Amino acid sequence: MGGAGGGGTRDIDGNKADKKGKVSGKITVWSWDVAAKAMKRLARTFEQRHPGTTVDVVDIGYDNAYDKLTVGLRAGSGLADVLTVEGDHMPRYTANFPSAFYDLTNLGGRYGGDFDRAAWSTVTGRNSAVLALPWDIGPCALYYRTDHFRAAGVDPKSLLTWDDYVTAGVRIKKATGHRLLIQDSTDAGILPMLLQQQGQSYFKGGRVAVDTPEAVRAMTLMKTLHDKGLVDYEKGWDGFVTGTKEGKAATTPTAAWWTGTLTDEMPELKGRFGVTPLPGFTADGTRTSNIGGSTLCVPAQSKNPRLAWAFIEFLLTSKANQVSMLKHEGLFPAYLPALDDPYLSAKQEYFGGQAALDVFARLARNIPPVEYTKDDAKASDIMISTVNGVMLRGKDPRTALDAAARQIAAATGRERVK
């Protein structure tokens, strides 16, 4: 279901490992930001457990990461031994460069049941070949301002559906003057989250799926939020953070990693946020989705693939290491056994004593897997202008999505979902 096209190159053999399976030598790892920080910290432990090994973690910066990866894959040289690739990007690379990654099926296939289903679907290619291991995920819930809700007399537990959410938004705005959510006018906003909540992305079964009934439902909701004056538009990440800090919106429907932004950037708002599951499209519908998350893979260029795999396995299939990365770097585990750790059910002072992580841990097991393809970037560009056309220029959702589907089909040579 992941939509990855390739089956990977050869399996990893005993290269750089003796008969007892001991690994040796050096590897280089590419990553960025807190992910690089986490690996640098845990690499020291790995080296102590495996004398004679060196793990060099290089922070290549997010802005340049995919350019560097693409250049290295095209050239067939110059890449690190372990690469960090976001989950929704991985299928693009495995489809465009089908023999550029080691096939980890024999080594990593047995872990399939231990990882979040949606994340696992992004690392499996043709014939269910395992081409990476999932690292972190972004289970979604609704962050809300407890003070704004209290002032309007709205109970967050009453938000079972998106219709309930809109009704509450009108009430909150009337009582407090605050809008309901912030949207970045330079991206597709909450559309991908709403689509995944309903079990699809921009493509389904290899076909263009942006004009399905589910897509129309999602876009109609977004237009309703705009028409009722419940959306505050800000540009880029900085605008999003500043708007939240200034209390411009009463809610933020987003992923677990937003907690780190709140605690780091807005310590003065401690005690003013709560977390509840996303509203559903129906009262008994799925109450979560996913935004973000990454994987680790071994490119076929690796000089020491055995050591590369040993490091990935150490990092991602250990409950202790996964919980440590959640505690220190805010990386929410795709590894399901880690979700049972007591740390996730502990009360958090920032959220007024609510066990906020527990909300995400419960939701994480229900994230719907969706399809990612090599054409996602093309579709995404078209969908950003479609969202803006509907929300900012008043276009009809169904008509706009039909036009977008035709455009994406023409740009990708794919058929539309009938």
Protein backbone atom coordinates (compact mmCIF):
# COMPACT_ATOMS: atom_id res chain seq x y z
CA MET A 1 0.00 0.00 0.00
CA GLY A 2 2.99 2.30 0.46
CA GLY A 3 3.23 2.80 -3.29
CA ALA A 4 7.00 2.32 -3.30
CA GLY A 5 8.08 1.07 -6.69
CA GLY A 6 11.34 -0.80 -6.24
CA GLY A 7 12.32 -4.05 -4.64
CA GLY A 8 15.69 -2.76 -3.50
CA THR A 9 19.11 -4.04 -4.40
CA ARG A 10 20.79 -7.10 -2.90
CA ASP A 11 20.45 -8.19 0.71
CA ILE A 12 23.02 -7.15 3.29
CA ASP A 13 25.43 -10.02 3.81
CA GLY A 14 28.12 -10.41 6.45
CA ASN A 15 30.17 -7.56 4.99
CA LYS A 16 32.37 -6.08 7.76
CA ALA A 17 31.07 -8.66 10.22
CA ASP A 18 32.90 -11.70 11.54
CA LYS A 19 31.40 -15.15 11.90
CA LYS A 20 29.90 -14.29 15.29
CA GLY A 21 28.12 -11.32 13.74
CA LYS A 22 30.35 -8.71 15.37
CA VAL A 23 30.44 -5.47 13.41
CA SER A 24 33.43 -3.19 12.95
CA GLY A 25 34.61 -0.15 11.03
CA LYS A 26 33.04 3.25 10.43
CA ILE A 27 29.77 4.60 9.04
CA THR A 28 28.51 8.08 8.25
CA VAL A 29 24.89 9.00 8.97
CA TRP A 30 23.02 11.93 7.41
CA SER A 31 20.21 13.66 9.28
CA TRP A 32 19.12 17.09 10.53
CA ASP A 33 17.88 19.06 13.51
CA VAL A 34 16.68 17.10 16.57
CA ALA A 35 16.93 13.80 14.69
CA ALA A 36 20.68 14.34 14.21
CA LYS A 37 20.95 15.37 17.85
CA ALA A 38 19.25 12.15 18.99
CA MET A 39 21.53 9.98 16.87
CA LYS A 40 24.69 11.76 18.01
CA ARG A 41 23.67 11.13 21.62
CA LEU A 42 22.85 7.43 21.16
CA ALA A 43 25.76 6.74 18.78
CA ARG A 44 28.10 6.96 21.79
CA THR A 45 26.20 4.14 23.52
CA PHE A 46 26.29 2.06 20.32
CA GLU A 47 30.06 2.52 19.98
CA GLN A 48 30.58 1.44 23.60
CA ARG A 49 28.53 -1.72 22.99
CA HIS A 50 30.41 -2.45 19.76
CA PRO A 51 34.13 -1.72 20.34
CA GLY A 52 35.96 -0.97 17.10
CA THR A 53 33.05 0.90 15.52
CA THR A 54 32.67 4.61 14.75
CA VAL A 55 29.37 6.31 13.93
CA ASP A 56 29.78 9.79 12.45
CA VAL A 57 26.43 11.63 12.46
CA VAL A 58 26.39 14.66 10.14
CA ASP A 59 23.67 17.32 10.40
CA ILE A 60 23.19 18.19 6.71
CA GLY A 61 20.34 20.64 7.41
CA TYR A 62 16.77 20.09 6.31
CA ASP A 63 16.77 22.76 3.59
CA ASN A 64 19.49 20.99 1.60
CA ALA A 65 18.75 17.39 2.57
CA TYR A 66 16.70 16.27 -0.42
CA ASP A 67 18.87 18.07 -2.96
CA LYS A 68 21.90 16.23 -1.56
CA LEU A 69 20.05 12.90 -1.56
CA THR A 70 18.80 13.30 -5.12
CA VAL A 71 22.22 14.35 -6.43
CA GLY A 72 23.88 11.37 -4.71
CA LEU A 73 21.29 8.90 -5.98
CA ARG A 74 21.59 10.19 -9.56
CA ALA A 75 25.39 10.13 -9.43
CA GLY A 76 25.53 6.69 -7.80
CA SER A 77 28.11 8.00 -5.31
CA GLY A 78 28.69 10.45 -2.49
CA LEU A 79 25.96 9.35 -0.08
CA ALA A 80 26.30 8.43 3.60
CA ASP A 81 25.87 4.85 4.88
CA VAL A 82 22.60 5.67 6.64
CA LEU A 83 20.10 8.22 5.34
CA THR A 84 17.20 9.90 7.09
CA VAL A 85 14.22 10.19 4.73
CA GLU A 86 10.76 11.41 5.70
CA GLY A 87 8.09 8.72 5.43
CA ASP A 88 6.08 10.42 2.71
CA HIS A 89 9.28 11.00 0.67
CA MET A 90 10.59 7.43 0.87
CA PRO A 91 8.22 5.96 -1.78
CA ARG A 92 9.26 8.72 -4.22
CA TYR A 93 12.89 7.66 -3.94
CA THR A 94 12.28 3.91 -4.09
CA ALA A 95 10.07 4.39 -7.16
CA ASN A 96 12.50 6.69 -8.98
CA PHE A 97 15.67 4.78 -7.93
CA PRO A 98 14.48 1.17 -7.55
CA SER A 99 17.91 -0.40 -7.04
CA ALA A 100 19.47 2.39 -4.98
CA PHE A 101 18.67 0.95 -1.55
CA TYR A 102 19.56 -2.25 0.25
CA ASP A 103 16.70 -4.70 0.62
CA LEU A 104 16.34 -5.13 4.39
CA THR A 105 13.55 -7.73 4.23
CA ASN A 106 15.60 -10.64 5.60
CA LEU A 107 16.91 -8.54 8.47
CA GLY A 108 14.04 -6.17 9.20
CA GLY A 109 10.92 -7.92 7.90
CA ARG A 110 10.32 -9.63 11.23
CA TYR A 111 9.75 -6.26 12.89
CA GLY A 112 6.73 -5.40 10.69
CA GLY A 113 4.16 -6.11 13.40
CA ASP A 114 6.02 -3.91 15.88
CA PHE A 115 5.59 -0.70 13.89
CA ASP A 116 2.65 1.60 13.24
CA ARG A 117 0.78 0.30 10.16
CA ALA A 118 0.74 3.63 8.35
CA ALA A 119 4.48 4.15 8.85
CA TRP A 120 5.27 0.56 7.81
CA SER A 121 3.41 1.10 4.54
CA THR A 122 5.86 3.89 3.62
CA VAL A 123 8.94 1.61 3.91
CA THR A 124 7.64 -1.40 1.97
CA GLY A 125 8.13 -1.55 -1.77
CA ARG A 126 7.15 -3.94 -4.54
CA ASN A 127 6.44 -7.49 -3.32
CA SER A 128 6.45 -6.15 0.27
CA ALA A 129 10.23 -5.64 0.21
CA VAL A 130 11.38 -3.73 3.31
CA LEU A 131 13.58 -0.82 2.19
CA ALA A 132 13.88 1.16 5.46
CA LEU A 133 12.69 1.08 9.07
CA PRO A 134 10.21 3.67 10.38
CA TRP A 135 11.55 5.98 13.08
CA ASP A 136 9.08 8.55 14.31
CA ILE A 137 5.48 9.40 13.39
CA GLY A 138 3.15 12.37 13.83
CA PRO A 139 -0.15 11.09 15.23
CA CYS A 140 -2.66 13.95 15.13
CA ALA A 141 -5.02 15.31 17.76
CA LEU A 142 -6.63 18.66 18.56
CA TYR A 143 -4.63 21.02 20.77
CA TYR A 144 -6.99 23.59 22.33
CA ARG A 145 -6.78 26.67 24.52
CA THR A 146 -8.49 25.72 27.78
CA ASP A 147 -9.09 29.41 28.65
CA HIS A 148 -10.82 30.19 25.35
CA PHE A 149 -13.00 27.07 25.61
CA ARG A 150 -13.89 27.88 29.22
CA ALA A 151 -14.81 31.47 28.36
CA ALA A 152 -17.18 30.22 25.64
CA GLY A 153 -18.59 27.38 27.74
CA VAL A 154 -17.43 24.73 25.26
CA ASP A 155 -16.58 21.24 26.49
CA PRO A 156 -13.71 19.80 24.34
CA LYS A 157 -15.13 16.30 24.86
CA SER A 158 -18.26 17.39 22.97
CA LEU A 159 -16.29 17.81 19.70
CA LEU A 160 -17.09 14.39 18.28
CA THR A 161 -17.49 15.53 14.67
CA TRP A 162 -16.16 18.32 12.46
CA ASP A 163 -19.68 19.78 12.45
CA ASP A 164 -19.43 20.01 16.25
CA TYR A 165 -16.06 21.73 15.77
CA VAL A 166 -17.50 24.38 13.43
CA THR A 167 -20.43 25.03 15.80
CA ALA A 168 -18.01 25.39 18.74
CA GLY A 169 -15.84 27.72 16.66
CA VAL A 170 -18.71 30.11 16.01
CA ARG A 171 -19.49 30.12 19.74
CA ILE A 172 -15.86 30.67 20.76
CA LYS A 173 -15.41 33.54 18.29
CA LYS A 174 -18.60 35.20 19.49
CA ALA A 175 -17.60 34.89 23.16
CA THR A 176 -13.86 35.65 22.91
CA GLY A 177 -13.14 37.21 19.51
CA HIS A 178 -10.63 34.44 18.79
CA ARG A 179 -10.74 32.45 15.56
CA LEU A 180 -10.65 28.66 15.53
CA LEU A 181 -7.44 27.79 13.67
CA ILE A 182 -4.44 29.21 11.83
CA GLN A 183 -3.73 28.22 8.24
CA ASP A 184 -0.56 28.83 6.27
CA SER A 185 -1.63 30.36 2.96
CA THR A 186 1.51 28.95 1.28
CA ASP A 187 0.55 25.28 1.71
CA ALA A 188 -2.48 22.98 1.51
CA GLY A 189 -3.31 23.51 5.17
CA ILE A 190 -5.21 20.71 6.90
CA LEU A 191 -6.29 19.04 3.62
CA PRO A 192 -3.72 16.17 3.63
CA MET A 193 -4.53 15.50 7.31
CA LEU A 194 -8.28 15.38 6.57
CA LEU A 195 -7.73 13.07 3.59
CA GLN A 196 -5.57 10.62 5.57
CA GLN A 197 -8.14 10.63 8.36
CA GLN A 198 -10.52 9.21 5.75
CA GLY A 199 -7.97 6.65 4.52
CA GLN A 200 -6.62 8.28 1.37
CA SER A 201 -4.03 10.71 0.02
CA TYR A 202 -3.84 12.43 -3.37
CA PHE A 203 -3.61 9.02 -5.06
CA LYS A 204 -5.45 5.75 -4.53
CA GLY A 205 -4.53 2.49 -6.28
CA GLY A 206 -2.15 4.48 -8.48
CA ARG A 207 -4.97 6.74 -9.69
CA VAL A 208 -5.63 10.42 -9.04
CA ALA A 209 -8.01 10.69 -6.07
CA VAL A 210 -8.37 14.40 -5.33
CA ASP A 211 -12.02 14.53 -6.45
CA THR A 212 -13.38 11.59 -4.45
CA PRO A 213 -16.38 12.09 -2.12
CA GLU A 214 -13.86 12.09 0.77
CA ALA A 215 -11.84 14.90 -0.83
CA VAL A 216 -14.99 16.94 -1.52
CA ARG A 217 -16.05 16.45 2.13
CA ALA A 218 -12.63 17.65 3.37
CA MET A 219 -12.52 20.70 1.10
CA THR A 220 -16.13 21.63 1.91
CA LEU A 221 -15.24 21.62 5.62
CA MET A 222 -12.28 23.91 4.95
CA LYS A 223 -14.46 26.32 2.95
CA THR A 224 -17.07 26.34 5.74
CA LEU A 225 -14.39 27.23 8.29
CA HIS A 226 -13.30 30.14 6.08
CA ASP A 227 -16.82 31.32 5.25
CA LYS A 228 -17.72 31.50 8.94
CA GLY A 229 -14.66 33.64 9.63
CA LEU A 230 -12.94 30.97 11.74
CA VAL A 231 -9.55 30.87 9.95
CA ASP A 232 -6.62 33.18 10.64
CA TYR A 233 -4.15 33.17 7.72
CA GLU A 234 -0.44 33.47 8.49
CA LYS A 235 2.56 32.88 6.23
CA GLY A 236 5.08 30.14 6.90
CA TRP A 237 6.17 28.36 10.05
CA ASP A 238 7.19 31.53 11.88
CA GLY A 239 3.78 33.09 11.27
CA PHE A 240 2.12 29.92 12.51
CA VAL A 241 4.15 29.92 15.74
CA THR A 242 3.75 33.66 16.35
CA GLY A 243 0.00 33.50 15.71
CA THR A 244 -0.35 30.67 18.22
CA LYS A 245 1.76 32.54 20.76
CA GLU A 246 -0.44 35.61 20.39
CA GLY A 247 -3.56 33.52 20.96
CA LYS A 248 -5.04 34.19 17.51
CA ALA A 249 -6.60 30.71 17.37
CA ALA A 250 -8.38 28.57 19.95
CA THR A 251 -7.25 25.23 18.46
CA THR A 252 -4.45 23.62 16.47
CA PRO A 253 -5.31 20.31 14.76
CA THR A 254 -1.83 18.85 14.30
CA ALA A 255 0.72 16.22 15.27
CA ALA A 256 2.30 15.16 18.56
CA TRP A 257 5.55 16.97 17.74
CA TRP A 258 3.75 20.32 18.18
CA THR A 259 4.12 19.73 21.95
CA GLY A 260 7.85 20.39 21.61
CA THR A 261 7.19 23.70 19.85
CA LEU A 262 4.74 24.77 22.56
CA THR A 263 7.04 23.93 25.47
CA ASP A 264 10.15 25.41 23.78
CA GLU A 265 8.68 28.55 22.21
CA MET A 266 5.75 29.33 24.53
CA PRO A 267 6.70 28.39 28.11
CA GLU A 268 4.66 31.36 29.35
CA LEU A 269 1.45 29.64 28.13
CA LYS A 270 1.91 26.67 30.47
CA GLY A 271 -1.43 25.44 31.78
CA ARG A 272 -3.45 26.99 28.95
CA PHE A 273 -3.48 24.04 26.53
CA GLY A 274 -5.25 20.70 26.50
CA VAL A 275 -5.32 17.83 23.98
CA THR A 276 -8.31 15.85 22.73
CA PRO A 277 -8.75 13.48 19.74
CA LEU A 278 -9.47 15.07 16.35
CA PRO A 279 -13.16 15.41 15.54
CA GLY A 280 -14.32 12.71 13.13
CA PHE A 281 -16.27 13.07 9.88
CA THR A 282 -18.87 10.92 11.66
CA ALA A 283 -19.30 10.41 15.41
CA ASP A 284 -17.90 6.87 15.13
CA GLY A 285 -15.25 7.75 12.50
CA THR A 286 -11.45 7.77 12.78
CA ARG A 287 -10.30 10.41 15.28
CA THR A 288 -6.68 10.79 14.18
CA SER A 289 -4.38 11.19 11.17
CA ASN A 290 -0.64 11.67 10.65
CA ILE A 291 1.63 14.61 9.83
CA GLY A 292 5.35 14.01 9.43
CA GLY A 293 7.64 11.27 10.62
CA SER A 294 10.79 9.76 9.17
CA THR A 295 12.60 6.55 8.28
CA LEU A 296 16.20 5.29 8.16
CA CYS A 297 17.54 3.42 5.14
CA VAL A 298 20.83 2.04 3.78
CA PRO A 299 21.75 3.22 0.26
CA ALA A 300 23.30 0.66 -2.07
CA GLN A 301 26.43 2.87 -2.10
CA SER A 302 27.17 2.11 1.57
CA LYS A 303 30.71 0.79 2.15
CA ASN A 304 29.66 -0.89 5.40
CA PRO A 305 25.99 -1.91 5.11
CA ARG A 306 26.24 -4.48 7.91
CA LEU A 307 27.27 -1.82 10.44
CA ALA A 308 24.69 0.59 8.98
CA TRP A 309 21.92 -1.96 9.59
CA ALA A 310 23.23 -2.77 13.09
CA PHE A 311 23.00 0.92 14.03
CA ILE A 312 19.48 1.29 12.59
CA GLU A 313 18.33 -1.85 14.41
CA PHE A 314 19.88 -0.65 17.70
CA LEU A 315 18.25 2.76 17.40
CA LEU A 316 14.75 1.84 16.24
CA THR A 317 13.91 -1.59 17.69
CA SER A 318 14.76 -0.76 21.28
CA LYS A 319 11.95 0.41 23.54
CA ALA A 320 14.43 2.20 25.82
CA ASN A 321 16.08 4.10 22.95
CA GLN A 322 12.75 5.10 21.41
CA VAL A 323 11.40 6.40 24.74
CA SER A 324 14.70 8.21 25.32
CA MET A 325 14.32 10.00 21.96
CA LEU A 326 10.77 11.00 22.86
CA LYS A 327 11.88 12.36 26.25
CA HIS A 328 14.94 14.25 25.04
CA GLU A 329 14.17 15.19 21.43
CA GLY A 330 10.36 14.92 21.22
CA LEU A 331 10.46 12.21 18.51
CA PHE A 332 7.21 10.24 18.80
CA PRO A 333 7.93 6.51 18.25
CA ALA A 334 6.60 4.54 15.30
CA TYR A 335 7.74 1.49 17.35
CA LEU A 336 4.55 0.34 19.09
CA PRO A 337 6.11 -1.43 22.14
CA ALA A 338 7.48 1.97 23.22
CA LEU A 339 3.95 3.37 23.50
CA ASP A 340 3.29 1.21 26.58
CA ASP A 341 6.09 2.85 28.55
CA PRO A 342 4.92 4.60 31.77
CA TYR A 343 6.49 7.84 30.51
CA LEU A 344 3.66 8.25 28.00
CA SER A 345 0.93 7.98 30.64
CA ALA A 346 2.56 10.45 33.06
CA LYS A 347 0.82 13.76 33.78
CA GLN A 348 2.39 16.78 32.09
CA GLU A 349 2.63 20.05 33.94
CA TYR A 350 2.56 22.11 30.74
CA PHE A 351 -0.91 20.70 29.94
CA GLY A 352 -2.29 21.49 33.39
CA GLY A 353 -1.64 17.97 34.65
CA GLN A 354 -3.24 16.20 31.65
CA ALA A 355 -1.45 13.05 30.40
CA ALA A 356 -1.28 14.57 26.89
CA LEU A 357 1.15 12.01 25.46
CA ASP A 358 -1.28 9.25 26.40
CA VAL A 359 -3.88 10.79 24.05
CA PHE A 360 -1.42 10.44 21.15
CA ALA A 361 -0.28 6.95 22.23
CA ARG A 362 -3.88 5.70 22.10
CA LEU A 363 -4.55 7.33 18.74
CA ALA A 364 -1.26 6.21 17.12
CA ARG A 365 -2.47 2.62 16.68
CA ASN A 366 -5.38 3.80 14.51
CA ILE A 367 -3.63 5.98 11.92
CA PRO A 368 -4.97 4.94 8.49
CA PRO A 369 -2.24 3.85 6.03
CA VAL A 370 -2.32 5.83 2.78
CA GLU A 371 -0.54 5.76 -0.55
CA TYR A 372 2.46 7.93 -1.40
CA THR A 373 3.90 8.06 -4.90
CA LYS A 374 6.70 9.59 -6.94
CA ASP A 375 4.18 12.14 -8.23
CA ASP A 376 3.20 13.58 -4.84
CA ALA A 377 5.24 16.77 -5.37
CA LYS A 378 3.42 17.56 -8.64
CA ALA A 379 0.04 16.87 -7.05
CA SER A 380 0.92 18.95 -3.98
CA ASP A 381 1.71 22.07 -6.03
CA ILE A 382 -1.63 21.82 -7.83
CA MET A 383 -3.51 21.21 -4.57
CA ILE A 384 -2.02 24.27 -2.86
CA SER A 385 -3.46 26.56 -5.53
CA THR A 386 -6.74 24.60 -5.42
CA VAL A 387 -7.07 25.10 -1.65
CA ASN A 388 -6.38 28.83 -2.03
CA GLY A 389 -8.90 29.06 -4.87
CA VAL A 390 -11.62 27.54 -2.69
CA MET A 391 -10.82 29.28 0.58
CA LEU A 392 -9.61 32.70 -0.53
CA ARG A 393 -11.43 33.15 -3.84
CA GLY A 394 -14.71 31.39 -3.07
CA LYS A 395 -14.52 28.63 -5.71
CA ASP A 396 -16.92 25.70 -5.40
CA PRO A 397 -15.11 22.71 -3.78
CA ARG A 398 -16.46 20.04 -6.13
CA THR A 399 -15.76 22.06 -9.29
CA ALA A 400 -12.28 23.07 -8.11
CA LEU A 401 -11.35 19.49 -7.18
CA ASP A 402 -12.60 18.16 -10.51
CA ALA A 403 -10.34 20.67 -12.29
CA ALA A 404 -7.41 19.73 -10.02
CA ALA A 405 -7.92 16.03 -10.78
CA ARG A 406 -7.82 16.74 -14.52
CA GLN A 407 -4.65 18.81 -14.09
CA ILE A 408 -2.88 16.14 -12.00
CA ALA A 409 -3.90 13.40 -14.43
CA ALA A 410 -2.46 15.43 -17.31
CA ALA A 411 0.75 16.22 -15.40
CA THR A 412 1.38 12.62 -14.29
CA GLY A 413 -0.15 10.49 -17.04
CA ARG A 414 -2.24 8.72 -14.40
CA GLU A 415 -5.91 7.83 -14.67
CA ARG A 416 -8.47 9.26 -12.27
CA VAL A 417 -10.34 7.19 -9.68
CA LYS A 418 -13.74 6.43 -11.18
